[in-house]
C-alpha atoms as a PDB file:
ATOM      1  CA  UNK A   1      -0.112  -0.086   0.021  1.00  0.00           C
ATOM      2  CA  UNK A   2       1.115   3.546  -0.699  1.00  0.00           C
ATOM      3  CA  UNK A   3       0.153   6.554   1.473  1.00  0.00           C
ATOM      4  CA  UNK A   4       0.442  10.123   0.665  1.00  0.00           C
ATOM      5  CA  UNK A   5       3.743  11.472   2.184  1.00  0.00           C
ATOM      6  CA  UNK A   6       5.549   8.072   2.237  1.00  0.00           C
ATOM      7  CA  UNK A   7       9.330   8.903   2.277  1.00  0.00           C
ATOM      8  CA  UNK A   8      12.329   7.187   0.715  1.00  0.00           C
ATOM      9  CA  UNK A   9      15.990   7.249   1.785  1.00  0.00           C
ATOM     10  CA  UNK A  10      18.626   9.665   0.569  1.00  0.00           C
ATOM     11  CA  UNK A  11      20.338   7.000  -1.686  1.00  0.00           C
ATOM     12  CA  UNK A  12      17.256   6.269  -3.618  1.00  0.00           C
ATOM     13  CA  UNK A  13      16.135   9.861  -3.798  1.00  0.00           C
ATOM     14  CA  UNK A  14      19.568  10.910  -5.297  1.00  0.00           C
ATOM     15  CA  UNK A  15      19.170   8.232  -8.053  1.00  0.00           C
ATOM     16  CA  UNK A  16      15.728   9.583  -9.176  1.00  0.00           C
ATOM     17  CA  UNK A  17      15.997  11.552 -12.347  1.00  0.00           C
ATOM     18  CA  UNK A  18      15.911  15.341 -11.551  1.00  0.00           C
ATOM     19  CA  UNK A  19      13.146  15.872 -14.105  1.00  0.00           C
ATOM     20  CA  UNK A  20      11.134  13.285 -12.349  1.00  0.00           C
ATOM     21  CA  UNK A  21      11.998  15.203  -9.023  1.00  0.00           C
ATOM     22  CA  UNK A  22      10.801  18.303 -10.854  1.00  0.00           C
ATOM     23  CA  UNK A  23       7.461  16.497 -11.734  1.00  0.00           C
ATOM     24  CA  UNK A  24       6.862  16.030  -8.041  1.00  0.00           C
ATOM     25  CA  UNK A  25       8.310  19.383  -7.006  1.00  0.00           C
ATOM     26  CA  UNK A  26       5.988  21.184  -9.314  1.00  0.00           C
ATOM     27  CA  UNK A  27       2.970  19.499  -7.592  1.00  0.00           C
ATOM     28  CA  UNK A  28       4.401  20.380  -4.226  1.00  0.00           C
ATOM     29  CA  UNK A  29       4.775  24.026  -5.078  1.00  0.00           C
ATOM     30  CA  UNK A  30       1.413  24.217  -6.672  1.00  0.00           C
ATOM     31  CA  UNK A  31      -0.269  22.804  -3.679  1.00  0.00           C
ATOM     32  CA  UNK A  32       1.745  25.103  -1.396  1.00  0.00           C
ATOM     33  CA  UNK A  33       0.776  28.264  -3.180  1.00  0.00           C
ATOM     34  CA  UNK A  34      -2.946  27.094  -3.382  1.00  0.00           C
ATOM     35  CA  UNK A  35      -3.255  26.310   0.261  1.00  0.00           C
ATOM     36  CA  UNK A  36      -1.428  29.584   1.085  1.00  0.00           C
ATOM     37  CA  UNK A  37      -3.970  31.584  -1.006  1.00  0.00           C
ATOM     38  CA  UNK A  38      -6.979  29.620   0.290  1.00  0.00           C
ATOM     39  CA  UNK A  39      -5.913  30.127   4.016  1.00  0.00           C
ATOM     40  CA  UNK A  40      -4.972  33.717   3.566  1.00  0.00           C
ATOM     41  CA  UNK A  41      -7.612  35.245   1.043  1.00  0.00           C
ATOM     42  CA  UNK A  42     -11.296  35.119   0.696  1.00  0.00           C
ATOM     43  CA  UNK A  43     -11.377  34.936  -3.117  1.00  0.00           C
ATOM     44  CA  UNK A  44     -13.457  32.772  -5.394  1.00  0.00           C
ATOM     45  CA  UNK A  45     -11.917  30.169  -7.417  1.00  0.00           C
ATOM     46  CA  UNK A  46     -11.417  32.207 -10.535  1.00  0.00           C
ATOM     47  CA  UNK A  47      -9.441  34.834  -8.740  1.00  0.00           C
ATOM     48  CA  UNK A  48      -7.487  32.131  -6.769  1.00  0.00           C
ATOM     49  CA  UNK A  49      -6.434  30.488 -10.043  1.00  0.00           C
ATOM     50  CA  UNK A  50      -5.163  33.927 -11.310  1.00  0.00           C
ATOM     51  CA  UNK A  51      -3.204  34.647  -8.214  1.00  0.00           C
ATOM     52  CA  UNK A  52      -1.690  31.019  -8.204  1.00  0.00           C
ATOM     53  CA  UNK A  53      -0.724  31.398 -11.913  1.00  0.00           C
ATOM     54  CA  UNK A  54       1.206  34.475 -11.163  1.00  0.00           C
ATOM     55  CA  UNK A  55       3.497  32.383  -8.846  1.00  0.00           C
ATOM     56  CA  UNK A  56       3.418  28.891 -10.333  1.00  0.00           C
ATOM     57  CA  UNK A  57       5.295  29.664 -13.608  1.00  0.00           C
ATOM     58  CA  UNK A  58       8.716  29.409 -14.794  1.00  0.00           C
ATOM     59  CA  UNK A  59       9.409  33.213 -14.545  1.00  0.00           C
ATOM     60  CA  UNK A  60       8.479  33.564 -10.990  1.00  0.00           C
ATOM     61  CA  UNK A  61      10.053  30.329  -9.874  1.00  0.00           C
ATOM     62  CA  UNK A  62      13.272  31.450 -11.414  1.00  0.00           C
ATOM     63  CA  UNK A  63      13.096  34.562  -9.332  1.00  0.00           C
ATOM     64  CA  UNK A  64      12.067  32.674  -6.214  1.00  0.00           C
ATOM     65  CA  UNK A  65      15.116  30.242  -6.428  1.00  0.00           C
ATOM     66  CA  UNK A  66      17.369  33.428  -6.633  1.00  0.00           C
ATOM     67  CA  UNK A  67      16.082  34.444  -3.116  1.00  0.00           C
ATOM     68  CA  UNK A  68      16.736  31.092  -1.670  1.00  0.00           C
ATOM     69  CA  UNK A  69      19.978  29.933  -3.184  1.00  0.00           C
ATOM     70  CA  UNK A  70      21.921  31.673  -0.305  1.00  0.00           C
ATOM     71  CA  UNK A  71      20.011  29.303   2.299  1.00  0.00           C
ATOM     72  CA  UNK A  72      20.627  26.118   0.444  1.00  0.00           C
ATOM     73  CA  UNK A  73      22.940  23.393   1.812  1.00  0.00           C
ATOM     74  CA  UNK A  74      25.610  21.928  -0.535  1.00  0.00           C
ATOM     75  CA  UNK A  75      23.541  18.798  -1.043  1.00  0.00           C
ATOM     76  CA  UNK A  76      20.186  21.079  -1.850  1.00  0.00           C
ATOM     77  CA  UNK A  77      22.336  23.223  -4.250  1.00  0.00           C
ATOM     78  CA  UNK A  78      23.693  20.156  -5.991  1.00  0.00           C
ATOM     79  CA  UNK A  79      20.033  18.799  -6.552  1.00  0.00           C
ATOM     80  CA  UNK A  80      19.061  22.290  -7.907  1.00  0.00           C
ATOM     81  CA  UNK A  81      21.932  22.222 -10.341  1.00  0.00           C
ATOM     82  CA  UNK A  82      21.094  18.716 -11.461  1.00  0.00           C
ATOM     83  CA  UNK A  83      17.593  19.777 -12.273  1.00  0.00           C
ATOM     84  CA  UNK A  84      18.766  23.057 -13.741  1.00  0.00           C
ATOM     85  CA  UNK A  85      21.057  21.259 -15.978  1.00  0.00           C
ATOM     86  CA  UNK A  86      19.140  18.238 -16.745  1.00  0.00           C
ATOM     87  CA  UNK A  87      17.895  17.565 -20.484  1.00  0.00           C
ATOM     88  CA  UNK A  88      14.314  18.403 -20.775  1.00  0.00           C
ATOM     89  CA  UNK A  89      11.878  17.111 -23.298  1.00  0.00           C
ATOM     90  CA  UNK A  90       9.762  20.212 -23.439  1.00  0.00           C
ATOM     91  CA  UNK A  91      10.350  24.027 -23.526  1.00  0.00           C
ATOM     92  CA  UNK A  92       8.543  26.969 -22.008  1.00  0.00           C
ATOM     93  CA  UNK A  93       6.520  29.231 -24.350  1.00  0.00           C
ATOM     94  CA  UNK A  94       6.551  32.308 -21.815  1.00  0.00           C
ATOM     95  CA  UNK A  95       9.903  32.082 -20.332  1.00  0.00           C
ATOM     96  CA  UNK A  96      13.578  32.214 -21.389  1.00  0.00           C
ATOM     97  CA  UNK A  97      15.625  29.062 -21.476  1.00  0.00           C
ATOM     98  CA  UNK A  98      17.581  30.265 -18.439  1.00  0.00           C
ATOM     99  CA  UNK A  99      14.240  30.831 -16.485  1.00  0.00           C
ATOM    100  CA  UNK A 100      12.792  27.441 -17.539  1.00  0.00           C
ATOM    101  CA  UNK A 101      16.112  25.759 -16.435  1.00  0.00           C
ATOM    102  CA  UNK A 102      16.212  27.546 -13.058  1.00  0.00           C
ATOM    103  CA  UNK A 103      12.654  26.833 -12.513  1.00  0.00           C
ATOM    104  CA  UNK A 104      13.174  23.161 -13.166  1.00  0.00           C
ATOM    105  CA  UNK A 105      16.020  23.160 -10.745  1.00  0.00           C
ATOM    106  CA  UNK A 106      13.743  24.801  -8.102  1.00  0.00           C
ATOM    107  CA  UNK A 107      11.005  22.090  -8.742  1.00  0.00           C
ATOM    108  CA  UNK A 108      13.650  19.379  -8.540  1.00  0.00           C
ATOM    109  CA  UNK A 109      14.813  20.597  -5.157  1.00  0.00           C
ATOM    110  CA  UNK A 110      11.155  20.860  -3.826  1.00  0.00           C
ATOM    111  CA  UNK A 111      10.554  17.131  -5.247  1.00  0.00           C
ATOM    112  CA  UNK A 112      13.783  15.877  -3.562  1.00  0.00           C
ATOM    113  CA  UNK A 113      12.934  17.270  -0.249  1.00  0.00           C
ATOM    114  CA  UNK A 114       9.467  16.154  -0.401  1.00  0.00           C
ATOM    115  CA  UNK A 115      10.294  12.531  -1.172  1.00  0.00           C
ATOM    116  CA  UNK A 116      12.708  12.584   1.702  1.00  0.00           C
ATOM    117  CA  UNK A 117       9.911  13.681   3.987  1.00  0.00           C
ATOM    118  CA  UNK A 118      11.735  16.891   4.844  1.00  0.00           C
ATOM    119  CA  UNK A 119       8.553  18.958   5.299  1.00  0.00           C
ATOM    120  CA  UNK A 120       9.921  21.063   7.869  1.00  0.00           C
ATOM    121  CA  UNK A 121      12.996  22.217   5.560  1.00  0.00           C
ATOM    122  CA  UNK A 122      10.472  22.619   2.718  1.00  0.00           C
ATOM    123  CA  UNK A 123       8.321  24.984   4.725  1.00  0.00           C
ATOM    124  CA  UNK A 124      11.359  27.021   5.800  1.00  0.00           C
ATOM    125  CA  UNK A 125      12.606  27.525   2.286  1.00  0.00           C
ATOM    126  CA  UNK A 126       9.018  28.072   0.887  1.00  0.00           C
ATOM    127  CA  UNK A 127       8.214  30.603   3.436  1.00  0.00           C
ATOM    128  CA  UNK A 128      11.596  32.413   3.081  1.00  0.00           C
ATOM    129  CA  UNK A 129      10.971  33.553  -0.342  1.00  0.00           C
ATOM    130  CA  UNK A 130       7.134  33.923  -0.050  1.00  0.00           C
ATOM    131  CA  UNK A 131       5.907  37.325  -1.390  1.00  0.00           C
ATOM    132  CA  UNK A 132       2.951  39.046   0.648  1.00  0.00           C
ATOM    133  CA  UNK A 133      -0.066  38.818  -1.794  1.00  0.00           C
ATOM    134  CA  UNK A 134      -2.029  41.202   0.227  1.00  0.00           C
ATOM    135  CA  UNK A 135       0.023  44.092  -1.249  1.00  0.00           C
ATOM    136  CA  UNK A 136      -1.645  43.806  -4.542  1.00  0.00           C
END
């Protein structure tokens, strides 16, 4: 049986393709942003979706990773770089190659921490770069 939030050991996590980690990390980040918006605003779903879309995209994520890079451990930075440098089968229509690569690295890092079960570290990093949406 599989349970949401099951974790794996570091050796197995390090052997997962960075693009696969980014696949998981994309979902982790999307859920984080959506939950934060739902808990902090009183918007309807259409507005929530617009607000989430402003954050869950390659351009915004490439800016976010710049804010948290100084906080990363060597291991986390290595995972980010593996994701950033990984060969991808798709390209972004709305971001530069550099932004898309940085966002993939960001998502790979989130996916890595998630599969390890390191939710405390995830929350620290995600809240460190979080913008205050109430400003407009």
